[in-house]
Amino acid sequence: EVGIPIPAASVYFAPCIAGHVGADSAAALLSEKTHQMTSRQLLVDIGTNAEIMFKGAGGVVAASSPTGPAFEGAQITHGQRATVGAIERVRIDRDTFEPSFKVIGCESWSNEPSFNFGQADSLITGICGSGIIEVVGEMYLSGLVGKDGTILDNRQRTRRVIPNDRTFSYVLCEQSDDSAAPNIVITQNDIRAIQLAKAALRAGIDLLLERCGESRADEIRLAGAFGAQIDPLYAMVLGLIPDCQVGQVRGVGNAAGSGAVRMLLSLKERIEVEALVRDVQRVETATEPRFQELFVGAMAFPHATASTPNLADAVALPSHPLTSAYTSTRPRRRGRRKDAVNE
């Protein structure tokens, strides 16, 4: 059925950890040997569902969190897959708010003379996941976006901030006049989509850390294609992951695939992964009341309440005020205040 001409081959089905934390997560654990670590290691495989595994003093705890497809370019106005023509890296000048960016298929930055994209034969077509993370992070660091995710009215300081109904957008890439491609803009809805995705991921991580009685990890490993491409610094700027020394955060690529190879080639590895899965503690985020509370706090950049000393050492963070909606876990009141109605 799969079209591979090996009729006498044996088939091995790797064990699952739980319903939404499947055999790929078990393979990733095996590949990274997370269960054998003496340090507090966090392993995250970021996709439409993020698989989260943490090794604390009591062993490995695992959960799945529904991040959605925003990190992969979906739900983003000009989002796309990481193919030629997609913006993948972004920097924004702190004084002028002018951007520079790199496009897949070109080694140069857009503000360098050798940059050759944007012409009819090499269009800038959109922005991929790593570019989305960086542009939102840069917008926050430069003061274009507040801590609560609102695009601020900076029209007096830059022509790149434009009105969009009752909100604002940021023009990341202005296409040439003879180009048929539209300008690449970042809208308020794009920012909100990233906030929702990153808050779901971060809430799942924080839930596991709480379950283990921890507040942070010593090492963070980002698995999967997206995890391998994003800059660890910007992952912390947005608050996808908890505060950690930047040098202790790295992408590990296709950890699930590497673990699968280990299992296929070694009986010892297969025995190890089956024992490992039995010892992993499962947490169902969908049924945890605490998840929603953590989600609310994780909506802010980088976070509403969590401290970020390592991040502050690595980059200058802006001092934006934060609305009470992100600092309180009390339900928000619906409708108008009674005294306002009676006015």
C-alpha atoms as a PDB file:
ATOM      1  CA  GLU A   1       0.000   0.000   0.000  1.00  0.00           C
ATOM      2  CA  VAL A   2       2.846   2.432   0.691  1.00  0.00           C
ATOM      3  CA  GLY A   3       4.661   1.529  -2.507  1.00  0.00           C
ATOM      4  CA  ILE A   4       7.888   0.318  -0.898  1.00  0.00           C
ATOM      5  CA  PRO A   5       9.172  -2.942  -2.482  1.00  0.00           C
ATOM      6  CA  ILE A   6      10.193  -4.749   0.746  1.00  0.00           C
ATOM      7  CA  PRO A   7       7.561  -7.527   1.105  1.00  0.00           C
ATOM      8  CA  ALA A   8       9.369  -9.333   3.938  1.00  0.00           C
ATOM      9  CA  ALA A   9       9.858  -6.253   6.102  1.00  0.00           C
ATOM     10  CA  SER A  10       8.783  -6.131   9.734  1.00  0.00           C
ATOM     11  CA  VAL A  11       6.598  -3.224  10.849  1.00  0.00           C
ATOM     12  CA  TYR A  12       7.074  -1.664  14.277  1.00  0.00           C
ATOM     13  CA  PHE A  13       4.391   0.548  15.816  1.00  0.00           C
ATOM     14  CA  ALA A  14       5.924   2.967  18.291  1.00  0.00           C
ATOM     15  CA  PRO A  15       3.984   3.431  21.547  1.00  0.00           C
ATOM     16  CA  CYS A  16       1.834   6.493  22.212  1.00  0.00           C
ATOM     17  CA  ILE A  17       2.089   8.525  25.393  1.00  0.00           C
ATOM     18  CA  ALA A  18      -1.541   9.714  25.381  1.00  0.00           C
ATOM     19  CA  GLY A  19      -4.351  10.617  22.997  1.00  0.00           C
ATOM     20  CA  HIS A  20      -2.873  13.875  21.703  1.00  0.00           C
ATOM     21  CA  VAL A  21       0.711  13.113  22.692  1.00  0.00           C
ATOM     22  CA  GLY A  22       1.463  10.351  20.269  1.00  0.00           C
ATOM     23  CA  ALA A  23       4.269   8.134  19.089  1.00  0.00           C
ATOM     24  CA  ASP A  24       6.079  11.079  17.502  1.00  0.00           C
ATOM     25  CA  SER A  25       6.456  12.626  20.955  1.00  0.00           C
ATOM     26  CA  ALA A  26       7.758   9.348  22.341  1.00  0.00           C
ATOM     27  CA  ALA A  27      10.279   9.242  19.493  1.00  0.00           C
ATOM     28  CA  ALA A  28      11.360  12.827  20.199  1.00  0.00           C
ATOM     29  CA  LEU A  29      11.893  12.007  23.883  1.00  0.00           C
ATOM     30  CA  LEU A  30      13.972   9.008  22.899  1.00  0.00           C
ATOM     31  CA  SER A  31      16.053  11.034  20.469  1.00  0.00           C
ATOM     32  CA  GLU A  32      16.806  13.825  22.934  1.00  0.00           C
ATOM     33  CA  LYS A  33      17.140  11.461  25.925  1.00  0.00           C
ATOM     34  CA  THR A  34      15.128  13.974  27.918  1.00  0.00           C
ATOM     35  CA  HIS A  35      14.203  11.350  30.499  1.00  0.00           C
ATOM     36  CA  GLN A  36      17.884  10.805  31.317  1.00  0.00           C
ATOM     37  CA  MET A  37      18.721  14.466  31.909  1.00  0.00           C
ATOM     38  CA  THR A  38      19.788  15.639  35.346  1.00  0.00           C
ATOM     39  CA  SER A  39      18.829  19.229  34.493  1.00  0.00           C
ATOM     40  CA  ARG A  40      15.296  20.544  34.075  1.00  0.00           C
ATOM     41  CA  GLN A  41      14.761  20.152  30.350  1.00  0.00           C
ATOM     42  CA  LEU A  42      11.751  21.339  28.364  1.00  0.00           C
ATOM     43  CA  LEU A  43      11.141  19.713  24.969  1.00  0.00           C
ATOM     44  CA  VAL A  44       8.525  21.348  22.727  1.00  0.00           C
ATOM     45  CA  ASP A  45       7.417  20.144  19.292  1.00  0.00           C
ATOM     46  CA  ILE A  46       5.540  23.094  17.777  1.00  0.00           C
ATOM     47  CA  GLY A  47       2.844  22.399  15.202  1.00  0.00           C
ATOM     48  CA  THR A  48      -0.924  22.774  14.886  1.00  0.00           C
ATOM     49  CA  ASN A  49      -0.897  20.947  18.210  1.00  0.00           C
ATOM     50  CA  ALA A  50       2.157  21.569  20.349  1.00  0.00           C
ATOM     51  CA  GLU A  51       3.493  18.550  22.199  1.00  0.00           C
ATOM     52  CA  ILE A  52       5.138  19.630  25.440  1.00  0.00           C
ATOM     53  CA  MET A  53       7.385  17.444  27.583  1.00  0.00           C
ATOM     54  CA  PHE A  54       9.208  18.496  30.739  1.00  0.00           C
ATOM     55  CA  LYS A  55      11.760  16.575  32.779  1.00  0.00           C
ATOM     56  CA  GLY A  56      11.621  17.596  36.417  1.00  0.00           C
ATOM     57  CA  ALA A  57      12.753  15.986  39.643  1.00  0.00           C
ATOM     58  CA  GLY A  58       9.796  13.590  39.565  1.00  0.00           C
ATOM     59  CA  GLY A  59      10.275  12.396  35.996  1.00  0.00           C
ATOM     60  CA  VAL A  60       8.785  13.361  32.636  1.00  0.00           C
ATOM     61  CA  VAL A  61       5.410  15.097  32.351  1.00  0.00           C
ATOM     62  CA  ALA A  62       3.728  15.525  28.946  1.00  0.00           C
ATOM     63  CA  ALA A  63       0.779  17.420  27.491  1.00  0.00           C
ATOM     64  CA  SER A  64      -0.607  18.700  24.217  1.00  0.00           C
ATOM     65  CA  SER A  65      -1.773  22.262  23.631  1.00  0.00           C
ATOM     66  CA  PRO A  66      -3.904  23.428  20.656  1.00  0.00           C
ATOM     67  CA  THR A  67      -1.852  26.249  19.131  1.00  0.00           C
ATOM     68  CA  GLY A  68      -3.606  26.225  15.749  1.00  0.00           C
ATOM     69  CA  PRO A  69      -1.974  26.939  12.378  1.00  0.00           C
ATOM     70  CA  ALA A  70      -0.927  30.595  12.905  1.00  0.00           C
ATOM     71  CA  PHE A  71       2.739  29.693  13.436  1.00  0.00           C
ATOM     72  CA  GLU A  72       2.707  28.019  10.027  1.00  0.00           C
ATOM     73  CA  GLY A  73       1.395  31.120   8.253  1.00  0.00           C
ATOM     74  CA  ALA A  74      -2.322  30.330   8.292  1.00  0.00           C
ATOM     75  CA  GLN A  75      -4.739  32.905   9.765  1.00  0.00           C
ATOM     76  CA  ILE A  76      -2.166  35.592   8.883  1.00  0.00           C
ATOM     77  CA  THR A  77      -3.120  38.158   6.224  1.00  0.00           C
ATOM     78  CA  HIS A  78      -0.051  37.547   4.065  1.00  0.00           C
ATOM     79  CA  GLY A  79       1.089  34.346   5.739  1.00  0.00           C
ATOM     80  CA  GLN A  80       2.417  31.460   3.683  1.00  0.00           C
ATOM     81  CA  ARG A  81       4.593  28.366   3.854  1.00  0.00           C
ATOM     82  CA  ALA A  82       8.368  28.708   4.036  1.00  0.00           C
ATOM     83  CA  THR A  83       9.082  28.734   0.288  1.00  0.00           C
ATOM     84  CA  VAL A  84      11.025  30.997  -2.078  1.00  0.00           C
ATOM     85  CA  GLY A  85       9.686  34.546  -1.884  1.00  0.00           C
ATOM     86  CA  ALA A  86       8.592  34.394   1.759  1.00  0.00           C
ATOM     87  CA  ILE A  87       9.976  36.867   4.297  1.00  0.00           C
ATOM     88  CA  GLU A  88      11.786  34.819   6.954  1.00  0.00           C
ATOM     89  CA  ARG A  89      13.781  37.345   9.027  1.00  0.00           C
ATOM     90  CA  VAL A  90      12.849  40.877  10.137  1.00  0.00           C
ATOM     91  CA  ARG A  91      14.495  43.803  11.914  1.00  0.00           C
ATOM     92  CA  ILE A  92      12.896  47.196  12.655  1.00  0.00           C
ATOM     93  CA  ASP A  93      14.867  50.369  13.372  1.00  0.00           C
ATOM     94  CA  ARG A  94      14.028  51.617  16.859  1.00  0.00           C
ATOM     95  CA  ASP A  95      14.094  55.301  15.807  1.00  0.00           C
ATOM     96  CA  THR A  96      12.630  55.379  12.295  1.00  0.00           C
ATOM     97  CA  PHE A  97      10.485  52.202  12.426  1.00  0.00           C
ATOM     98  CA  GLU A  98      11.881  51.305   9.000  1.00  0.00           C
ATOM     99  CA  PRO A  99      12.132  47.536   8.443  1.00  0.00           C
ATOM    100  CA  SER A 100      14.783  45.366   6.879  1.00  0.00           C
ATOM    101  CA  PHE A 101      14.152  41.730   6.092  1.00  0.00           C
ATOM    102  CA  LYS A 102      15.487  38.588   4.482  1.00  0.00           C
ATOM    103  CA  VAL A 103      13.571  36.591   1.907  1.00  0.00           C
ATOM    104  CA  ILE A 104      13.905  32.864   1.271  1.00  0.00           C
ATOM    105  CA  GLY A 105      15.941  32.540  -1.905  1.00  0.00           C
ATOM    106  CA  CYS A 106      18.189  35.560  -1.289  1.00  0.00           C
ATOM    107  CA  GLU A 107      21.177  35.764   1.062  1.00  0.00           C
ATOM    108  CA  SER A 108      21.094  39.561   1.404  1.00  0.00           C
ATOM    109  CA  TRP A 109      18.974  41.758   3.644  1.00  0.00           C
ATOM    110  CA  SER A 110      16.508  44.101   1.965  1.00  0.00           C
ATOM    111  CA  ASN A 111      18.559  47.200   2.876  1.00  0.00           C
ATOM    112  CA  GLU A 112      21.713  45.853   1.211  1.00  0.00           C
ATOM    113  CA  PRO A 113      22.676  46.752  -2.381  1.00  0.00           C
ATOM    114  CA  SER A 114      22.874  43.089  -3.395  1.00  0.00           C
ATOM    115  CA  PHE A 115      19.230  42.426  -2.483  1.00  0.00           C
ATOM    116  CA  ASN A 116      17.578  41.295  -5.725  1.00  0.00           C
ATOM    117  CA  PHE A 117      14.007  40.413  -4.734  1.00  0.00           C
ATOM    118  CA  GLY A 118      10.884  42.428  -5.430  1.00  0.00           C
ATOM    119  CA  GLN A 119      11.189  42.475  -9.219  1.00  0.00           C
ATOM    120  CA  ALA A 120       8.784  40.866 -11.662  1.00  0.00           C
ATOM    121  CA  ASP A 121      10.814  37.657 -11.875  1.00  0.00           C
ATOM    122  CA  SER A 122      11.367  37.331  -8.111  1.00  0.00           C
ATOM    123  CA  LEU A 123       8.339  38.526  -6.186  1.00  0.00           C
ATOM    124  CA  ILE A 124       8.092  38.858  -2.426  1.00  0.00           C
ATOM    125  CA  THR A 125       4.996  36.742  -1.925  1.00  0.00           C
ATOM    126  CA  GLY A 126       4.302  36.793   1.819  1.00  0.00           C
ATOM    127  CA  ILE A 127       5.720  35.975   5.223  1.00  0.00           C
ATOM    128  CA  CYS A 128       6.358  32.543   6.744  1.00  0.00           C
ATOM    129  CA  GLY A 129       6.232  31.385  10.362  1.00  0.00           C
ATOM    130  CA  SER A 130       9.729  32.430  11.445  1.00  0.00           C
ATOM    131  CA  GLY A 131       9.204  35.839   9.838  1.00  0.00           C
ATOM    132  CA  ILE A 132       5.892  36.297  11.634  1.00  0.00           C
ATOM    133  CA  ILE A 133       7.517  35.580  14.989  1.00  0.00           C
ATOM    134  CA  GLU A 134      10.305  38.067  14.296  1.00  0.00           C
ATOM    135  CA  VAL A 135       8.163  40.891  12.917  1.00  0.00           C
ATOM    136  CA  VAL A 136       5.768  40.735  15.880  1.00  0.00           C
ATOM    137  CA  GLY A 137       8.737  40.576  18.257  1.00  0.00           C
ATOM    138  CA  GLU A 138      10.396  43.544  16.546  1.00  0.00           C
ATOM    139  CA  MET A 139       7.163  45.527  16.570  1.00  0.00           C
ATOM    140  CA  TYR A 140       6.944  44.978  20.316  1.00  0.00           C
ATOM    141  CA  LEU A 141      10.604  45.804  20.988  1.00  0.00           C
ATOM    142  CA  SER A 142      10.446  48.980  18.871  1.00  0.00           C
ATOM    143  CA  GLY A 143       7.266  50.266  20.514  1.00  0.00           C
ATOM    144  CA  LEU A 144       4.944  49.743  17.560  1.00  0.00           C
ATOM    145  CA  VAL A 145       2.963  47.188  19.576  1.00  0.00           C
ATOM    146  CA  GLY A 146       2.026  47.470  23.231  1.00  0.00           C
ATOM    147  CA  LYS A 147       2.435  44.785  25.855  1.00  0.00           C
ATOM    148  CA  ASP A 148      -1.221  43.849  25.404  1.00  0.00           C
ATOM    149  CA  GLY A 149      -0.703  43.301  21.663  1.00  0.00           C
ATOM    150  CA  THR A 150      -2.333  46.500  20.420  1.00  0.00           C
ATOM    151  CA  ILE A 151      -0.752  48.177  17.384  1.00  0.00           C
ATOM    152  CA  LEU A 152      -0.211  51.736  18.607  1.00  0.00           C
ATOM    153  CA  ASP A 153      -0.956  54.926  16.674  1.00  0.00           C
ATOM    154  CA  ASN A 154       2.499  56.008  15.513  1.00  0.00           C
ATOM    155  CA  ARG A 155       1.343  57.705  12.313  1.00  0.00           C
ATOM    156  CA  GLN A 156       3.112  60.934  13.265  1.00  0.00           C
ATOM    157  CA  ARG A 157       6.429  59.100  13.453  1.00  0.00           C
ATOM    158  CA  THR A 158       6.222  56.786  10.445  1.00  0.00           C
ATOM    159  CA  ARG A 159       4.224  56.394   7.263  1.00  0.00           C
ATOM    160  CA  ARG A 160       4.328  52.616   7.722  1.00  0.00           C
ATOM    161  CA  VAL A 161       1.599  52.685  10.359  1.00  0.00           C
ATOM    162  CA  ILE A 162      -1.709  52.989   8.523  1.00  0.00           C
ATOM    163  CA  PRO A 163      -5.349  52.995   9.709  1.00  0.00           C
ATOM    164  CA  ASN A 164      -7.353  49.813   9.237  1.00  0.00           C
ATOM    165  CA  ASP A 165     -10.985  50.325  10.294  1.00  0.00           C
ATOM    166  CA  ARG A 166     -10.749  50.973  14.043  1.00  0.00           C
ATOM    167  CA  THR A 167      -7.239  49.573  14.365  1.00  0.00           C
ATOM    168  CA  PHE A 168      -3.868  50.055  12.699  1.00  0.00           C
ATOM    169  CA  SER A 169      -1.616  47.999  10.460  1.00  0.00           C
ATOM    170  CA  TYR A 170       2.118  48.063   9.773  1.00  0.00           C
ATOM    171  CA  VAL A 171       3.435  48.036   6.202  1.00  0.00           C
ATOM    172  CA  LEU A 172       6.365  45.629   6.301  1.00  0.00           C
ATOM    173  CA  CYS A 173       7.102  45.500   2.576  1.00  0.00           C
ATOM    174  CA  GLU A 174       6.168  48.071  -0.036  1.00  0.00           C
ATOM    175  CA  GLN A 175       6.091  46.441  -3.443  1.00  0.00           C
ATOM    176  CA  SER A 176       7.390  48.318  -6.474  1.00  0.00           C
ATOM    177  CA  ASP A 177       4.894  50.344  -8.504  1.00  0.00           C
ATOM    178  CA  ASP A 178       5.069  47.933 -11.443  1.00  0.00           C
ATOM    179  CA  SER A 179       4.549  44.859  -9.262  1.00  0.00           C
ATOM    180  CA  ALA A 180       1.262  42.996  -9.312  1.00  0.00           C
ATOM    181  CA  ALA A 181       1.868  41.720  -5.781  1.00  0.00           C
ATOM    182  CA  PRO A 182       0.216  43.551  -2.854  1.00  0.00           C
ATOM    183  CA  ASN A 183       2.133  45.247  -0.063  1.00  0.00           C
ATOM    184  CA  ILE A 184       2.941  42.905   2.823  1.00  0.00           C
ATOM    185  CA  VAL A 185       1.216  44.267   5.928  1.00  0.00           C
ATOM    186  CA  ILE A 186       0.836  43.107   9.515  1.00  0.00           C
ATOM    187  CA  THR A 187      -2.668  43.753  10.822  1.00  0.00           C
ATOM    188  CA  GLN A 188      -4.165  43.815  14.305  1.00  0.00           C
ATOM    189  CA  ASN A 189      -5.886  40.512  13.543  1.00  0.00           C
ATOM    190  CA  ASP A 190      -2.499  39.006  12.687  1.00  0.00           C
ATOM    191  CA  ILE A 191      -1.127  40.067  16.068  1.00  0.00           C
ATOM    192  CA  ARG A 192      -4.156  38.586  17.836  1.00  0.00           C
ATOM    193  CA  ALA A 193      -3.767  35.282  15.981  1.00  0.00           C
ATOM    194  CA  ILE A 194      -0.164  35.041  17.178  1.00  0.00           C
ATOM    195  CA  GLN A 195      -1.209  35.981  20.716  1.00  0.00           C
ATOM    196  CA  LEU A 196      -3.831  33.233  20.837  1.00  0.00           C
ATOM    197  CA  ALA A 197      -1.409  30.636  19.486  1.00  0.00           C
ATOM    198  CA  LYS A 198       1.470  31.565  21.753  1.00  0.00           C
ATOM    199  CA  ALA A 199      -0.782  31.855  24.808  1.00  0.00           C
ATOM    200  CA  ALA A 200      -2.072  28.313  24.257  1.00  0.00           C
ATOM    201  CA  LEU A 201       1.486  27.017  23.981  1.00  0.00           C
ATOM    202  CA  ARG A 202       2.764  28.961  26.973  1.00  0.00           C
ATOM    203  CA  ALA A 203      -0.217  28.023  29.150  1.00  0.00           C
ATOM    204  CA  GLY A 204       0.476  24.353  28.456  1.00  0.00           C
ATOM    205  CA  ILE A 205       4.127  24.800  29.368  1.00  0.00           C
ATOM    206  CA  ASP A 206       3.317  26.697  32.558  1.00  0.00           C
ATOM    207  CA  LEU A 207       0.772  24.052  33.530  1.00  0.00           C
ATOM    208  CA  LEU A 208       3.421  21.330  33.305  1.00  0.00           C
ATOM    209  CA  LEU A 209       5.939  23.412  35.236  1.00  0.00           C
ATOM    210  CA  GLU A 210       3.374  24.027  37.978  1.00  0.00           C
ATOM    211  CA  ARG A 211       2.547  20.337  38.104  1.00  0.00           C
ATOM    212  CA  CYS A 212       6.240  19.647  38.741  1.00  0.00           C
ATOM    213  CA  GLY A 213       6.577  22.457  41.284  1.00  0.00           C
ATOM    214  CA  GLU A 214       8.900  24.435  39.009  1.00  0.00           C
ATOM    215  CA  SER A 215       8.833  27.963  37.592  1.00  0.00           C
ATOM    216  CA  ARG A 216      11.370  27.627  34.777  1.00  0.00           C
ATOM    217  CA  ALA A 217      13.555  25.214  32.820  1.00  0.00           C
ATOM    218  CA  ASP A 218      17.349  24.992  32.661  1.00  0.00           C
ATOM    219  CA  GLU A 219      17.329  23.930  29.005  1.00  0.00           C
ATOM    220  CA  ILE A 220      14.725  24.300  26.261  1.00  0.00           C
ATOM    221  CA  ARG A 221      14.707  22.235  23.064  1.00  0.00           C
ATOM    222  CA  LEU A 222      12.468  23.257  20.142  1.00  0.00           C
ATOM    223  CA  ALA A 223      11.659  20.343  17.842  1.00  0.00           C
ATOM    224  CA  GLY A 224      10.042  20.150  14.428  1.00  0.00           C
ATOM    225  CA  ALA A 225      10.567  22.203  11.279  1.00  0.00           C
ATOM    226  CA  PHE A 226       9.152  25.387  12.809  1.00  0.00           C
ATOM    227  CA  GLY A 227      11.082  24.984  16.044  1.00  0.00           C
ATOM    228  CA  ALA A 228      14.315  24.606  14.099  1.00  0.00           C
ATOM    229  CA  GLN A 229      13.730  27.835  12.152  1.00  0.00           C
ATOM    230  CA  ILE A 230      12.660  30.341  14.802  1.00  0.00           C
ATOM    231  CA  ASP A 231      15.187  32.468  16.657  1.00  0.00           C
ATOM    232  CA  PRO A 232      15.198  31.498  20.375  1.00  0.00           C
ATOM    233  CA  LEU A 233      15.490  35.157  21.369  1.00  0.00           C
ATOM    234  CA  TYR A 234      12.249  36.092  19.614  1.00  0.00           C
ATOM    235  CA  ALA A 235      10.515  33.022  21.015  1.00  0.00           C
ATOM    236  CA  MET A 236      11.240  34.493  24.454  1.00  0.00           C
ATOM    237  CA  VAL A 237      10.383  38.069  23.448  1.00  0.00           C
ATOM    238  CA  LEU A 238       6.882  36.945  22.496  1.00  0.00           C
ATOM    239  CA  GLY A 239       6.639  34.632  25.501  1.00  0.00           C
ATOM    240  CA  LEU A 240       6.225  31.364  23.598  1.00  0.00           C
ATOM    241  CA  ILE A 241       8.614  29.821  26.092  1.00  0.00           C
ATOM    242  CA  PRO A 242       9.498  30.737  29.687  1.00  0.00           C
ATOM    243  CA  ASP A 243      12.524  32.819  30.572  1.00  0.00           C
ATOM    244  CA  CYS A 244      15.800  30.966  30.136  1.00  0.00           C
ATOM    245  CA  GLN A 245      19.397  31.727  29.245  1.00  0.00           C
ATOM    246  CA  VAL A 246      19.287  32.321  25.492  1.00  0.00           C
ATOM    247  CA  GLY A 247      22.282  30.038  24.969  1.00  0.00           C
ATOM    248  CA  GLN A 248      20.363  27.175  26.575  1.00  0.00           C
ATOM    249  CA  VAL A 249      17.556  27.341  23.989  1.00  0.00           C
ATOM    250  CA  ARG A 250      18.103  25.646  20.644  1.00  0.00           C
ATOM    251  CA  GLY A 251      16.295  23.926  17.821  1.00  0.00           C
ATOM    252  CA  VAL A 252      16.810  20.187  17.449  1.00  0.00           C
ATOM    253  CA  GLY A 253      15.170  19.661  14.064  1.00  0.00           C
ATOM    254  CA  ASN A 254      13.214  16.513  13.314  1.00  0.00           C
ATOM    255  CA  ALA A 255      13.643  14.863  16.704  1.00  0.00           C
ATOM    256  CA  ALA A 256      10.688  12.543  16.068  1.00  0.00           C
ATOM    257  CA  GLY A 257      12.269  11.285  12.848  1.00  0.00           C
ATOM    258  CA  SER A 258      15.606  10.757  14.576  1.00  0.00           C
ATOM    259  CA  GLY A 259      13.888   8.805  17.329  1.00  0.00           C
ATOM    260  CA  ALA A 260      12.069   6.670  14.763  1.00  0.00           C
ATOM    261  CA  VAL A 261      15.391   5.768  13.144  1.00  0.00           C
ATOM    262  CA  ARG A 262      16.774   4.783  16.539  1.00  0.00           C
ATOM    263  CA  MET A 263      13.814   2.483  17.158  1.00  0.00           C
ATOM    264  CA  LEU A 264      14.067   0.828  13.760  1.00  0.00           C
ATOM    265  CA  LEU A 265      17.775   0.151  14.077  1.00  0.00           C
ATOM    266  CA  SER A 266      18.001  -0.975  17.689  1.00  0.00           C
ATOM    267  CA  LEU A 267      16.027  -3.441  19.808  1.00  0.00           C
ATOM    268  CA  LYS A 268      17.548  -1.775  22.860  1.00  0.00           C
ATOM    269  CA  GLU A 269      16.029   1.559  21.840  1.00  0.00           C
ATOM    270  CA  ARG A 270      12.608  -0.032  21.306  1.00  0.00           C
ATOM    271  CA  ILE A 271      12.696  -1.568  24.763  1.00  0.00           C
ATOM    272  CA  GLU A 272      13.780   1.781  26.199  1.00  0.00           C
ATOM    273  CA  VAL A 273      10.983   3.784  24.568  1.00  0.00           C
ATOM    274  CA  GLU A 274       8.298   1.334  25.694  1.00  0.00           C
ATOM    275  CA  ALA A 275       9.520   1.583  29.278  1.00  0.00           C
ATOM    276  CA  LEU A 276       9.807   5.352  28.966  1.00  0.00           C
ATOM    277  CA  VAL A 277       6.207   5.780  27.815  1.00  0.00           C
ATOM    278  CA  ARG A 278       4.885   3.828  30.807  1.00  0.00           C
ATOM    279  CA  ASP A 279       6.628   6.238  33.179  1.00  0.00           C
ATOM    280  CA  VAL A 280       5.512   9.507  31.569  1.00  0.00           C
ATOM    281  CA  GLN A 281       2.847  11.408  33.516  1.00  0.00           C
ATOM    282  CA  ARG A 282       0.046  12.761  31.296  1.00  0.00           C
ATOM    283  CA  VAL A 283      -1.740  16.071  31.752  1.00  0.00           C
ATOM    284  CA  GLU A 284      -4.946  16.828  29.832  1.00  0.00           C
ATOM    285  CA  THR A 285      -4.970  20.582  29.251  1.00  0.00           C
ATOM    286  CA  ALA A 286      -8.577  20.534  27.985  1.00  0.00           C
ATOM    287  CA  THR A 287      -9.912  19.438  31.371  1.00  0.00           C
ATOM    288  CA  GLU A 288      -7.618  21.529  33.587  1.00  0.00           C
ATOM    289  CA  PRO A 289      -9.399  24.593  35.061  1.00  0.00           C
ATOM    290  CA  ARG A 290      -6.023  26.210  35.687  1.00  0.00           C
ATOM    291  CA  PHE A 291      -5.222  26.200  31.956  1.00  0.00           C
ATOM    292  CA  GLN A 292      -7.602  29.079  31.192  1.00  0.00           C
ATOM    293  CA  GLU A 293      -6.134  31.218  33.961  1.00  0.00           C
ATOM    294  CA  LEU A 294      -2.617  30.627  32.667  1.00  0.00           C
ATOM    295  CA  PHE A 295      -3.817  31.326  29.123  1.00  0.00           C
ATOM    296  CA  VAL A 296      -5.030  34.816  30.069  1.00  0.00           C
ATOM    297  CA  GLY A 297      -1.687  35.750  31.611  1.00  0.00           C
ATOM    298  CA  ALA A 298       0.186  34.390  28.600  1.00  0.00           C
ATOM    299  CA  MET A 299      -1.637  36.656  26.129  1.00  0.00           C
ATOM    300  CA  ALA A 300       0.612  39.616  26.967  1.00  0.00           C
ATOM    301  CA  PHE A 301       4.114  40.146  25.553  1.00  0.00           C
ATOM    302  CA  PRO A 302       6.196  38.466  26.865  1.00  0.00           C
ATOM    303  CA  HIS A 303       3.871  37.649  29.783  1.00  0.00           C
ATOM    304  CA  ALA A 304       1.548  39.525  32.109  1.00  0.00           C
ATOM    305  CA  THR A 305       3.194  38.504  35.375  1.00  0.00           C
ATOM    306  CA  ALA A 306       6.188  36.187  34.830  1.00  0.00           C
ATOM    307  CA  SER A 307       9.627  37.732  35.349  1.00  0.00           C
ATOM    308  CA  THR A 308      12.142  37.704  32.480  1.00  0.00           C
ATOM    309  CA  PRO A 309      15.617  38.444  33.901  1.00  0.00           C
ATOM    310  CA  ASN A 310      17.480  36.438  31.260  1.00  0.00           C
ATOM    311  CA  LEU A 311      15.565  38.106  28.442  1.00  0.00           C
ATOM    312  CA  ALA A 312      16.217  41.548  29.952  1.00  0.00           C
ATOM    313  CA  ASP A 313      19.946  40.761  29.923  1.00  0.00           C
ATOM    314  CA  ALA A 314      19.788  39.824  26.241  1.00  0.00           C
ATOM    315  CA  VAL A 315      17.681  42.676  24.823  1.00  0.00           C
ATOM    316  CA  ALA A 316      16.313  46.081  25.842  1.00  0.00           C
ATOM    317  CA  LEU A 317      12.650  45.583  26.705  1.00  0.00           C
ATOM    318  CA  PRO A 318      10.138  48.441  26.323  1.00  0.00           C
ATOM    319  CA  SER A 319       8.125  49.650  29.300  1.00  0.00           C
ATOM    320  CA  HIS A 320       4.534  49.445  28.111  1.00  0.00           C
ATOM    321  CA  PRO A 321       1.591  49.685  30.538  1.00  0.00           C
ATOM    322  CA  LEU A 322      -0.660  46.648  30.703  1.00  0.00           C
ATOM    323  CA  THR A 323      -4.440  46.701  31.015  1.00  0.00           C
ATOM    324  CA  SER A 324      -6.013  44.957  33.999  1.00  0.00           C
ATOM    325  CA  ALA A 325      -7.641  42.397  31.697  1.00  0.00           C
ATOM    326  CA  TYR A 326      -4.261  40.674  31.359  1.00  0.00           C
ATOM    327  CA  THR A 327      -3.212  40.894  34.995  1.00  0.00           C
ATOM    328  CA  SER A 328      -6.366  39.492  36.587  1.00  0.00           C
ATOM    329  CA  THR A 329      -7.814  36.003  36.285  1.00  0.00           C
ATOM    330  CA  ARG A 330     -11.278  37.189  37.366  1.00  0.00           C
ATOM    331  CA  PRO A 331     -13.976  36.873  34.676  1.00  0.00           C
ATOM    332  CA  ARG A 332     -14.531  40.083  32.736  1.00  0.00           C
ATOM    333  CA  ARG A 333     -17.929  41.739  33.199  1.00  0.00           C
ATOM    334  CA  ARG A 334     -20.236  41.705  30.231  1.00  0.00           C
ATOM    335  CA  GLY A 335     -22.263  44.715  29.146  1.00  0.00           C
ATOM    336  CA  ARG A 336     -22.218  48.330  30.298  1.00  0.00           C
ATOM    337  CA  ARG A 337     -21.888  49.485  33.868  1.00  0.00           C
ATOM    338  CA  LYS A 338     -25.165  50.215  35.612  1.00  0.00           C
ATOM    339  CA  ASP A 339     -24.278  53.842  36.379  1.00  0.00           C
ATOM    340  CA  ALA A 340     -23.345  54.411  32.735  1.00  0.00           C
ATOM    341  CA  VAL A 341     -26.702  53.037  31.599  1.00  0.00           C
ATOM    342  CA  ASN A 342     -28.544  55.401  33.928  1.00  0.00           C
ATOM    343  CA  GLU A 343     -26.702  58.503  32.738  1.00  0.00           C
END
